[in-house]
Amino acid sequence: MKDAVFKTYVRGIYCVECPEKIIFGLLQTRGVIDADVAYFQSFVTVKYDPALVSEETLREVLEELGYPPFERKPTVLERMAAKLKHLGGSA
């Protein structure tokens, strides 16, 4: 079967280590072939085998990692709120 590509914005990226965590978590998922994160855009691209993993499962993995999928690019305020939440603020 042909590989598929899943693309989504995510919430919660607040530091340069976040993409590493996302990529590592996705690559631990059976059926994921490759993953990439565009830090400044909060955008995730996953190449996967649809015979082994579904888009729904990929969404669940991102959710479990703490980076829930998002239908649009997070605003600057949403990104700052994620950073404040990480730092212990009340955002």
PDB file of N, CA and C in Angstrom:
ATOM      1  N   MET A   1       0.849  -1.187   0.000  1.00  0.00           N
ATOM      2  CA  MET A   1       0.000   0.000   0.000  1.00  0.00           C
ATOM      3  C   MET A   1       0.886   1.239   0.000  1.00  0.00           C
ATOM      4  N   LYS A   2       0.384   2.294  -0.563  1.00  0.00           N
ATOM      5  CA  LYS A   2       1.119   3.544  -0.666  1.00  0.00           C
ATOM      6  C   LYS A   2       1.132   4.284   0.671  1.00  0.00           C
ATOM      7  N   ASP A   3       2.266   4.952   0.960  1.00  0.00           N
ATOM      8  CA  ASP A   3       2.371   5.754   2.174  1.00  0.00           C
ATOM      9  C   ASP A   3       1.414   6.940   2.092  1.00  0.00           C
ATOM     10  N   ALA A   4       0.991   7.413   3.258  1.00  0.00           N
ATOM     11  CA  ALA A   4       0.108   8.576   3.337  1.00  0.00           C
ATOM     12  C   ALA A   4       0.801   9.658   4.156  1.00  0.00           C
ATOM     13  N   VAL A   5       0.273  10.872   4.068  1.00  0.00           N
ATOM     14  CA  VAL A   5       0.831  11.993   4.826  1.00  0.00           C
ATOM     15  C   VAL A   5      -0.290  12.650   5.618  1.00  0.00           C
ATOM     16  N   PHE A   6      -0.031  12.844   6.903  1.00  0.00           N
ATOM     17  CA  PHE A   6      -0.966  13.518   7.807  1.00  0.00           C
ATOM     18  C   PHE A   6      -0.325  14.841   8.207  1.00  0.00           C
ATOM     19  N   LYS A   7      -1.081  15.937   8.061  1.00  0.00           N
ATOM     20  CA  LYS A   7      -0.574  17.265   8.413  1.00  0.00           C
ATOM     21  C   LYS A   7      -1.565  17.949   9.326  1.00  0.00           C
ATOM     22  N   THR A   8      -1.038  18.602  10.369  1.00  0.00           N
ATOM     23  CA  THR A   8      -1.907  19.318  11.289  1.00  0.00           C
ATOM     24  C   THR A   8      -1.118  20.358  12.067  1.00  0.00           C
ATOM     25  N   TYR A   9      -1.809  21.400  12.488  1.00  0.00           N
ATOM     26  CA  TYR A   9      -1.246  22.321  13.458  1.00  0.00           C
ATOM     27  C   TYR A   9      -1.444  21.685  14.827  1.00  0.00           C
ATOM     28  N   VAL A  10      -0.609  22.054  15.793  1.00  0.00           N
ATOM     29  CA  VAL A  10      -0.766  21.550  17.151  1.00  0.00           C
ATOM     30  C   VAL A  10      -0.655  22.707  18.141  1.00  0.00           C
ATOM     31  N   ARG A  11      -1.205  22.490  19.296  1.00  0.00           N
ATOM     32  CA  ARG A  11      -1.083  23.454  20.395  1.00  0.00           C
ATOM     33  C   ARG A  11       0.012  22.976  21.332  1.00  0.00           C
ATOM     34  N   GLY A  12       0.583  23.908  22.073  1.00  0.00           N
ATOM     35  CA  GLY A  12       1.474  23.542  23.165  1.00  0.00           C
ATOM     36  C   GLY A  12       2.960  23.609  22.887  1.00  0.00           C
ATOM     37  N   ILE A  13       3.375  23.953  21.682  1.00  0.00           N
ATOM     38  CA  ILE A  13       4.809  24.076  21.422  1.00  0.00           C
ATOM     39  C   ILE A  13       5.283  25.384  22.043  1.00  0.00           C
ATOM     40  N   TYR A  14       6.187  25.291  23.008  1.00  0.00           N
ATOM     41  CA  TYR A  14       6.637  26.474  23.725  1.00  0.00           C
ATOM     42  C   TYR A  14       8.158  26.599  23.779  1.00  0.00           C
ATOM     43  N   CYS A  15       8.880  25.575  23.357  1.00  0.00           N
ATOM     44  CA  CYS A  15      10.337  25.650  23.399  1.00  0.00           C
ATOM     45  C   CYS A  15      10.922  24.828  22.260  1.00  0.00           C
ATOM     46  N   VAL A  16      12.225  24.949  22.058  1.00  0.00           N
ATOM     47  CA  VAL A  16      12.866  24.257  20.945  1.00  0.00           C
ATOM     48  C   VAL A  16      12.973  22.752  21.171  1.00  0.00           C
ATOM     49  N   GLU A  17      12.736  22.274  22.388  1.00  0.00           N
ATOM     50  CA  GLU A  17      12.764  20.841  22.655  1.00  0.00           C
ATOM     51  C   GLU A  17      11.438  20.156  22.326  1.00  0.00           C
ATOM     52  N   CYS A  18      10.377  20.918  22.209  1.00  0.00           N
ATOM     53  CA  CYS A  18       9.059  20.346  21.924  1.00  0.00           C
ATOM     54  C   CYS A  18       9.034  19.551  20.615  1.00  0.00           C
ATOM     55  N   PRO A  19       9.591  20.080  19.514  1.00  0.00           N
ATOM     56  CA  PRO A  19       9.576  19.288  18.285  1.00  0.00           C
ATOM     57  C   PRO A  19      10.269  17.935  18.434  1.00  0.00           C
ATOM     58  N   GLU A  20      11.362  17.899  19.192  1.00  0.00           N
ATOM     59  CA  GLU A  20      12.056  16.633  19.416  1.00  0.00           C
ATOM     60  C   GLU A  20      11.161  15.629  20.133  1.00  0.00           C
ATOM     61  N   LYS A  21      10.432  16.110  21.136  1.00  0.00           N
ATOM     62  CA  LYS A  21       9.516  15.248  21.881  1.00  0.00           C
ATOM     63  C   LYS A  21       8.404  14.719  20.974  1.00  0.00           C
ATOM     64  N   ILE A  22       7.865  15.588  20.124  1.00  0.00           N
ATOM     65  CA  ILE A  22       6.794  15.184  19.211  1.00  0.00           C
ATOM     66  C   ILE A  22       7.304  14.147  18.221  1.00  0.00           C
ATOM     67  N   ILE A  23       8.440  14.436  17.598  1.00  0.00           N
ATOM     68  CA  ILE A  23       8.996  13.516  16.601  1.00  0.00           C
ATOM     69  C   ILE A  23       9.324  12.171  17.236  1.00  0.00           C
ATOM     70  N   PHE A  24       9.973  12.179  18.393  1.00  0.00           N
ATOM     71  CA  PHE A  24      10.320  10.932  19.072  1.00  0.00           C
ATOM     72  C   PHE A  24       9.065  10.125  19.387  1.00  0.00           C
ATOM     73  N   GLY A  25       8.031  10.783  19.913  1.00  0.00           N
ATOM     74  CA  GLY A  25       6.791  10.091  20.257  1.00  0.00           C
ATOM     75  C   GLY A  25       6.099   9.500  19.050  1.00  0.00           C
ATOM     76  N   LEU A  26       6.073  10.258  17.970  1.00  0.00           N
ATOM     77  CA  LEU A  26       5.434   9.750  16.750  1.00  0.00           C
ATOM     78  C   LEU A  26       6.211   8.575  16.166  1.00  0.00           C
ATOM     79  N   LEU A  27       7.536   8.665  16.161  1.00  0.00           N
ATOM     80  CA  LEU A  27       8.342   7.589  15.587  1.00  0.00           C
ATOM     81  C   LEU A  27       8.266   6.296  16.407  1.00  0.00           C
ATOM     82  N   GLN A  28       7.790   6.367  17.631  1.00  0.00           N
ATOM     83  CA  GLN A  28       7.583   5.177  18.455  1.00  0.00           C
ATOM     84  C   GLN A  28       6.263   4.484  18.129  1.00  0.00           C
ATOM     85  N   THR A  29       5.471   5.117  17.281  1.00  0.00           N
ATOM     86  CA  THR A  29       4.160   4.596  16.907  1.00  0.00           C
ATOM     87  C   THR A  29       4.301   3.681  15.699  1.00  0.00           C
ATOM     88  N   ARG A  30       3.801   2.460  15.832  1.00  0.00           N
ATOM     89  CA  ARG A  30       3.863   1.492  14.735  1.00  0.00           C
ATOM     90  C   ARG A  30       3.161   2.055  13.503  1.00  0.00           C
ATOM     91  N   GLY A  31       3.850   2.033  12.390  1.00  0.00           N
ATOM     92  CA  GLY A  31       3.284   2.515  11.139  1.00  0.00           C
ATOM     93  C   GLY A  31       3.770   3.892  10.739  1.00  0.00           C
ATOM     94  N   VAL A  32       4.392   4.620  11.673  1.00  0.00           N
ATOM     95  CA  VAL A  32       4.922   5.936  11.342  1.00  0.00           C
ATOM     96  C   VAL A  32       6.287   5.761  10.692  1.00  0.00           C
ATOM     97  N   ILE A  33       6.445   6.342   9.520  1.00  0.00           N
ATOM     98  CA  ILE A  33       7.680   6.219   8.756  1.00  0.00           C
ATOM     99  C   ILE A  33       8.605   7.403   9.018  1.00  0.00           C
ATOM    100  N   ASP A  34       8.032   8.608   9.087  1.00  0.00           N
ATOM    101  CA  ASP A  34       8.826   9.810   9.301  1.00  0.00           C
ATOM    102  C   ASP A  34       7.929  10.883   9.898  1.00  0.00           C
ATOM    103  N   ALA A  35       8.547  11.815  10.607  1.00  0.00           N
ATOM    104  CA  ALA A  35       7.797  12.919  11.205  1.00  0.00           C
ATOM    105  C   ALA A  35       8.664  14.166  11.185  1.00  0.00           C
ATOM    106  N   ASP A  36       8.005  15.316  11.044  1.00  0.00           N
ATOM    107  CA  ASP A  36       8.709  16.585  11.034  1.00  0.00           C
ATOM    108  C   ASP A  36       7.826  17.620  11.713  1.00  0.00           C
ATOM    109  N   VAL A  37       8.475  18.574  12.384  1.00  0.00           N
ATOM    110  CA  VAL A  37       7.742  19.644  13.055  1.00  0.00           C
ATOM    111  C   VAL A  37       8.331  20.981  12.632  1.00  0.00           C
ATOM    112  N   ALA A  38       7.482  21.871  12.155  1.00  0.00           N
ATOM    113  CA  ALA A  38       7.876  23.245  11.851  1.00  0.00           C
ATOM    114  C   ALA A  38       7.606  24.054  13.113  1.00  0.00           C
ATOM    115  N   TYR A  39       8.667  24.324  13.865  1.00  0.00           N
ATOM    116  CA  TYR A  39       8.556  24.960  15.188  1.00  0.00           C
ATOM    117  C   TYR A  39       7.749  26.262  15.156  1.00  0.00           C
ATOM    118  N   PHE A  40       8.142  27.204  14.324  1.00  0.00           N
ATOM    119  CA  PHE A  40       7.499  28.519  14.349  1.00  0.00           C
ATOM    120  C   PHE A  40       6.065  28.496  13.846  1.00  0.00           C
ATOM    121  N   GLN A  41       5.706  27.506  13.079  1.00  0.00           N
ATOM    122  CA  GLN A  41       4.338  27.395  12.583  1.00  0.00           C
ATOM    123  C   GLN A  41       3.484  26.463  13.436  1.00  0.00           C
ATOM    124  N   SER A  42       4.096  25.739  14.371  1.00  0.00           N
ATOM    125  CA  SER A  42       3.390  24.730  15.173  1.00  0.00           C
ATOM    126  C   SER A  42       2.696  23.725  14.257  1.00  0.00           C
ATOM    127  N   PHE A  43       3.426  23.282  13.235  1.00  0.00           N
ATOM    128  CA  PHE A  43       2.867  22.426  12.199  1.00  0.00           C
ATOM    129  C   PHE A  43       3.601  21.091  12.162  1.00  0.00           C
ATOM    130  N   VAL A  44       2.831  20.011  12.180  1.00  0.00           N
ATOM    131  CA  VAL A  44       3.391  18.658  12.200  1.00  0.00           C
ATOM    132  C   VAL A  44       3.042  17.948  10.894  1.00  0.00           C
ATOM    133  N   THR A  45       4.029  17.278  10.324  1.00  0.00           N
ATOM    134  CA  THR A  45       3.840  16.465   9.130  1.00  0.00           C
ATOM    135  C   THR A  45       4.299  15.049   9.448  1.00  0.00           C
ATOM    136  N   VAL A  46       3.431  14.075   9.196  1.00  0.00           N
ATOM    137  CA  VAL A  46       3.739  12.678   9.497  1.00  0.00           C
ATOM    138  C   VAL A  46       3.547  11.832   8.246  1.00  0.00           C
ATOM    139  N   LYS A  47       4.579  11.113   7.869  1.00  0.00           N
ATOM    140  CA  LYS A  47       4.475  10.138   6.774  1.00  0.00           C
ATOM    141  C   LYS A  47       4.229   8.791   7.442  1.00  0.00           C
ATOM    142  N   TYR A  48       3.178   8.078   7.000  1.00  0.00           N
ATOM    143  CA  TYR A  48       2.801   6.849   7.686  1.00  0.00           C
ATOM    144  C   TYR A  48       2.221   5.826   6.714  1.00  0.00           C
ATOM    145  N   ASP A  49       2.142   4.596   7.195  1.00  0.00           N
ATOM    146  CA  ASP A  49       1.553   3.499   6.434  1.00  0.00           C
ATOM    147  C   ASP A  49       0.115   3.338   6.908  1.00  0.00           C
ATOM    148  N   PRO A  50      -0.880   3.686   6.073  1.00  0.00           N
ATOM    149  CA  PRO A  50      -2.281   3.610   6.508  1.00  0.00           C
ATOM    150  C   PRO A  50      -2.770   2.192   6.780  1.00  0.00           C
ATOM    151  N   ALA A  51      -2.009   1.193   6.356  1.00  0.00           N
ATOM    152  CA  ALA A  51      -2.379  -0.187   6.671  1.00  0.00           C
ATOM    153  C   ALA A  51      -2.051  -0.515   8.128  1.00  0.00           C
ATOM    154  N   LEU A  52      -1.183   0.289   8.739  1.00  0.00           N
ATOM    155  CA  LEU A  52      -0.745   0.007  10.115  1.00  0.00           C
ATOM    156  C   LEU A  52      -1.237   1.017  11.144  1.00  0.00           C
ATOM    157  N   VAL A  53      -1.504   2.243  10.720  1.00  0.00           N
ATOM    158  CA  VAL A  53      -1.923   3.279  11.671  1.00  0.00           C
ATOM    159  C   VAL A  53      -2.888   4.230  10.962  1.00  0.00           C
ATOM    160  N   SER A  54      -3.853   4.751  11.716  1.00  0.00           N
ATOM    161  CA  SER A  54      -4.849   5.667  11.157  1.00  0.00           C
ATOM    162  C   SER A  54      -4.548   7.106  11.569  1.00  0.00           C
ATOM    163  N   GLU A  55      -5.167   8.045  10.862  1.00  0.00           N
ATOM    164  CA  GLU A  55      -5.034   9.453  11.248  1.00  0.00           C
ATOM    165  C   GLU A  55      -5.597   9.676  12.643  1.00  0.00           C
ATOM    166  N   GLU A  56      -6.655   8.980  12.979  1.00  0.00           N
ATOM    167  CA  GLU A  56      -7.241   9.112  14.317  1.00  0.00           C
ATOM    168  C   GLU A  56      -6.228   8.709  15.385  1.00  0.00           C
ATOM    169  N   THR A  57      -5.507   7.624  15.148  1.00  0.00           N
ATOM    170  CA  THR A  57      -4.481   7.195  16.100  1.00  0.00           C
ATOM    171  C   THR A  57      -3.375   8.238  16.201  1.00  0.00           C
ATOM    172  N   LEU A  58      -2.986   8.823  15.081  1.00  0.00           N
ATOM    173  CA  LEU A  58      -1.951   9.861  15.105  1.00  0.00           C
ATOM    174  C   LEU A  58      -2.424  11.065  15.913  1.00  0.00           C
ATOM    175  N   ARG A  59      -3.684  11.424  15.767  1.00  0.00           N
ATOM    176  CA  ARG A  59      -4.249  12.518  16.562  1.00  0.00           C
ATOM    177  C   ARG A  59      -4.203  12.174  18.056  1.00  0.00           C
ATOM    178  N   GLU A  60      -4.543  10.937  18.385  1.00  0.00           N
ATOM    179  CA  GLU A  60      -4.516  10.497  19.780  1.00  0.00           C
ATOM    180  C   GLU A  60      -3.100  10.527  20.340  1.00  0.00           C
ATOM    181  N   VAL A  61      -2.119  10.112  19.545  1.00  0.00           N
ATOM    182  CA  VAL A  61      -0.721  10.132  19.986  1.00  0.00           C
ATOM    183  C   VAL A  61      -0.300  11.569  20.284  1.00  0.00           C
ATOM    184  N   LEU A  62      -0.624  12.494  19.388  1.00  0.00           N
ATOM    185  CA  LEU A  62      -0.282  13.892  19.628  1.00  0.00           C
ATOM    186  C   LEU A  62      -0.952  14.421  20.894  1.00  0.00           C
ATOM    187  N   GLU A  63      -2.193  14.049  21.094  1.00  0.00           N
ATOM    188  CA  GLU A  63      -2.937  14.454  22.293  1.00  0.00           C
ATOM    189  C   GLU A  63      -2.238  13.924  23.551  1.00  0.00           C
ATOM    190  N   GLU A  64      -1.871  12.637  23.534  1.00  0.00           N
ATOM    191  CA  GLU A  64      -1.199  12.014  24.677  1.00  0.00           C
ATOM    192  C   GLU A  64       0.163  12.646  24.951  1.00  0.00           C
ATOM    193  N   LEU A  65       0.831  13.094  23.908  1.00  0.00           N
ATOM    194  CA  LEU A  65       2.130  13.746  24.065  1.00  0.00           C
ATOM    195  C   LEU A  65       1.995  15.162  24.627  1.00  0.00           C
ATOM    196  N   GLY A  66       0.766  15.687  24.654  1.00  0.00           N
ATOM    197  CA  GLY A  66       0.530  17.029  25.172  1.00  0.00           C
ATOM    198  C   GLY A  66       0.486  18.106  24.102  1.00  0.00           C
ATOM    199  N   TYR A  67       0.330  17.696  22.851  1.00  0.00           N
ATOM    200  CA  TYR A  67       0.276  18.626  21.725  1.00  0.00           C
ATOM    201  C   TYR A  67      -0.964  18.333  20.894  1.00  0.00           C
ATOM    202  N   PRO A  68      -2.133  18.738  21.392  1.00  0.00           N
ATOM    203  CA  PRO A  68      -3.374  18.409  20.687  1.00  0.00           C
ATOM    204  C   PRO A  68      -3.448  19.044  19.301  1.00  0.00           C
ATOM    205  N   PRO A  69      -3.934  18.274  18.328  1.00  0.00           N
ATOM    206  CA  PRO A  69      -4.115  18.816  16.975  1.00  0.00           C
ATOM    207  C   PRO A  69      -5.064  20.007  16.992  1.00  0.00           C
ATOM    208  N   PHE A  70      -4.834  20.897  16.060  1.00  0.00           N
ATOM    209  CA  PHE A  70      -5.546  22.170  16.012  1.00  0.00           C
ATOM    210  C   PHE A  70      -5.876  22.456  14.558  1.00  0.00           C
ATOM    211  N   GLU A  71      -7.062  22.920  14.247  1.00  0.00           N
ATOM    212  CA  GLU A  71      -7.502  23.120  12.869  1.00  0.00           C
ATOM    213  C   GLU A  71      -6.816  24.290  12.163  1.00  0.00           C
ATOM    214  N   ARG A  72      -6.269  25.201  12.916  1.00  0.00           N
ATOM    215  CA  ARG A  72      -5.611  26.361  12.301  1.00  0.00           C
ATOM    216  C   ARG A  72      -4.321  26.657  13.063  1.00  0.00           C
ATOM    217  N   LYS A  73      -3.523  27.507  12.501  1.00  0.00           N
ATOM    218  CA  LYS A  73      -2.269  27.887  13.149  1.00  0.00           C
ATOM    219  C   LYS A  73      -2.586  28.631  14.453  1.00  0.00           C
ATOM    220  N   PRO A  74      -1.979  28.222  15.577  1.00  0.00           N
ATOM    221  CA  PRO A  74      -2.222  28.931  16.833  1.00  0.00           C
ATOM    222  C   PRO A  74      -1.753  30.381  16.740  1.00  0.00           C
ATOM    223  N   THR A  75      -2.506  31.273  17.357  1.00  0.00           N
ATOM    224  CA  THR A  75      -2.130  32.682  17.362  1.00  0.00           C
ATOM    225  C   THR A  75      -0.948  32.889  18.298  1.00  0.00           C
ATOM    226  N   VAL A  76      -0.357  34.058  18.214  1.00  0.00           N
ATOM    227  CA  VAL A  76       0.760  34.401  19.099  1.00  0.00           C
ATOM    228  C   VAL A  76       0.299  34.322  20.557  1.00  0.00           C
ATOM    229  N   LEU A  77      -0.896  34.793  20.837  1.00  0.00           N
ATOM    230  CA  LEU A  77      -1.412  34.745  22.211  1.00  0.00           C
ATOM    231  C   LEU A  77      -1.579  33.303  22.698  1.00  0.00           C
ATOM    232  N   GLU A  78      -2.055  32.423  21.828  1.00  0.00           N
ATOM    233  CA  GLU A  78      -2.207  31.018  22.209  1.00  0.00           C
ATOM    234  C   GLU A  78      -0.851  30.371  22.467  1.00  0.00           C
ATOM    235  N   ARG A  79       0.142  30.719  21.653  1.00  0.00           N
ATOM    236  CA  ARG A  79       1.495  30.183  21.860  1.00  0.00           C
ATOM    237  C   ARG A  79       2.086  30.698  23.174  1.00  0.00           C
ATOM    238  N   MET A  80       1.867  31.985  23.470  1.00  0.00           N
ATOM    239  CA  MET A  80       2.379  32.554  24.724  1.00  0.00           C
ATOM    240  C   MET A  80       1.668  31.932  25.922  1.00  0.00           C
ATOM    241  N   ALA A  81       0.376  31.673  25.793  1.00  0.00           N
ATOM    242  CA  ALA A  81      -0.372  31.040  26.875  1.00  0.00           C
ATOM    243  C   ALA A  81       0.177  29.646  27.164  1.00  0.00           C
ATOM    244  N   ALA A  82       0.543  28.901  26.122  1.00  0.00           N
ATOM    245  CA  ALA A  82       1.133  27.573  26.311  1.00  0.00           C
ATOM    246  C   ALA A  82       2.457  27.674  27.046  1.00  0.00           C
ATOM    247  N   LYS A  83       3.255  28.675  26.700  1.00  0.00           N
ATOM    248  CA  LYS A  83       4.544  28.859  27.361  1.00  0.00           C
ATOM    249  C   LYS A  83       4.345  29.226  28.828  1.00  0.00           C
ATOM    250  N   LEU A  84       3.409  30.135  29.101  1.00  0.00           N
ATOM    251  CA  LEU A  84       3.125  30.520  30.483  1.00  0.00           C
ATOM    252  C   LEU A  84       2.615  29.331  31.295  1.00  0.00           C
ATOM    253  N   LYS A  85       1.773  28.528  30.685  1.00  0.00           N
ATOM    254  CA  LYS A  85       1.252  27.339  31.377  1.00  0.00           C
ATOM    255  C   LYS A  85       2.399  26.413  31.743  1.00  0.00           C
ATOM    256  N   HIS A  86       3.338  26.232  30.811  1.00  0.00           N
ATOM    257  CA  HIS A  86       4.502  25.384  31.059  1.00  0.00           C
ATOM    258  C   HIS A  86       5.365  25.948  32.209  1.00  0.00           C
ATOM    259  N   LEU A  87       5.474  27.266  32.269  1.00  0.00           N
ATOM    260  CA  LEU A  87       6.292  27.893  33.290  1.00  0.00           C
ATOM    261  C   LEU A  87       5.585  27.992  34.644  1.00  0.00           C
ATOM    262  N   GLY A  88       4.336  27.524  34.695  1.00  0.00           N
ATOM    263  CA  GLY A  88       3.611  27.523  35.959  1.00  0.00           C
ATOM    264  C   GLY A  88       2.687  28.705  36.128  1.00  0.00           C
ATOM    265  N   GLY A  89       2.447  29.431  35.068  1.00  0.00           N
ATOM    266  CA  GLY A  89       1.527  30.574  35.115  1.00  0.00           C
ATOM    267  C   GLY A  89       0.088  30.095  35.119  1.00  0.00           C
ATOM    268  N   SER A  90      -0.831  31.015  35.159  1.00  0.00           N
ATOM    269  CA  SER A  90      -2.243  30.656  35.230  1.00  0.00           C
ATOM    270  C   SER A  90      -2.941  30.835  33.890  1.00  0.00           C
ATOM    271  N   ALA A  91      -2.249  30.649  32.804  1.00  0.00           N
ATOM    272  CA  ALA A  91      -2.869  30.815  31.484  1.00  0.00           C
ATOM    273  C   ALA A  91      -3.750  29.645  31.141  1.00  0.00           C
TER     274      ALA A  91
END
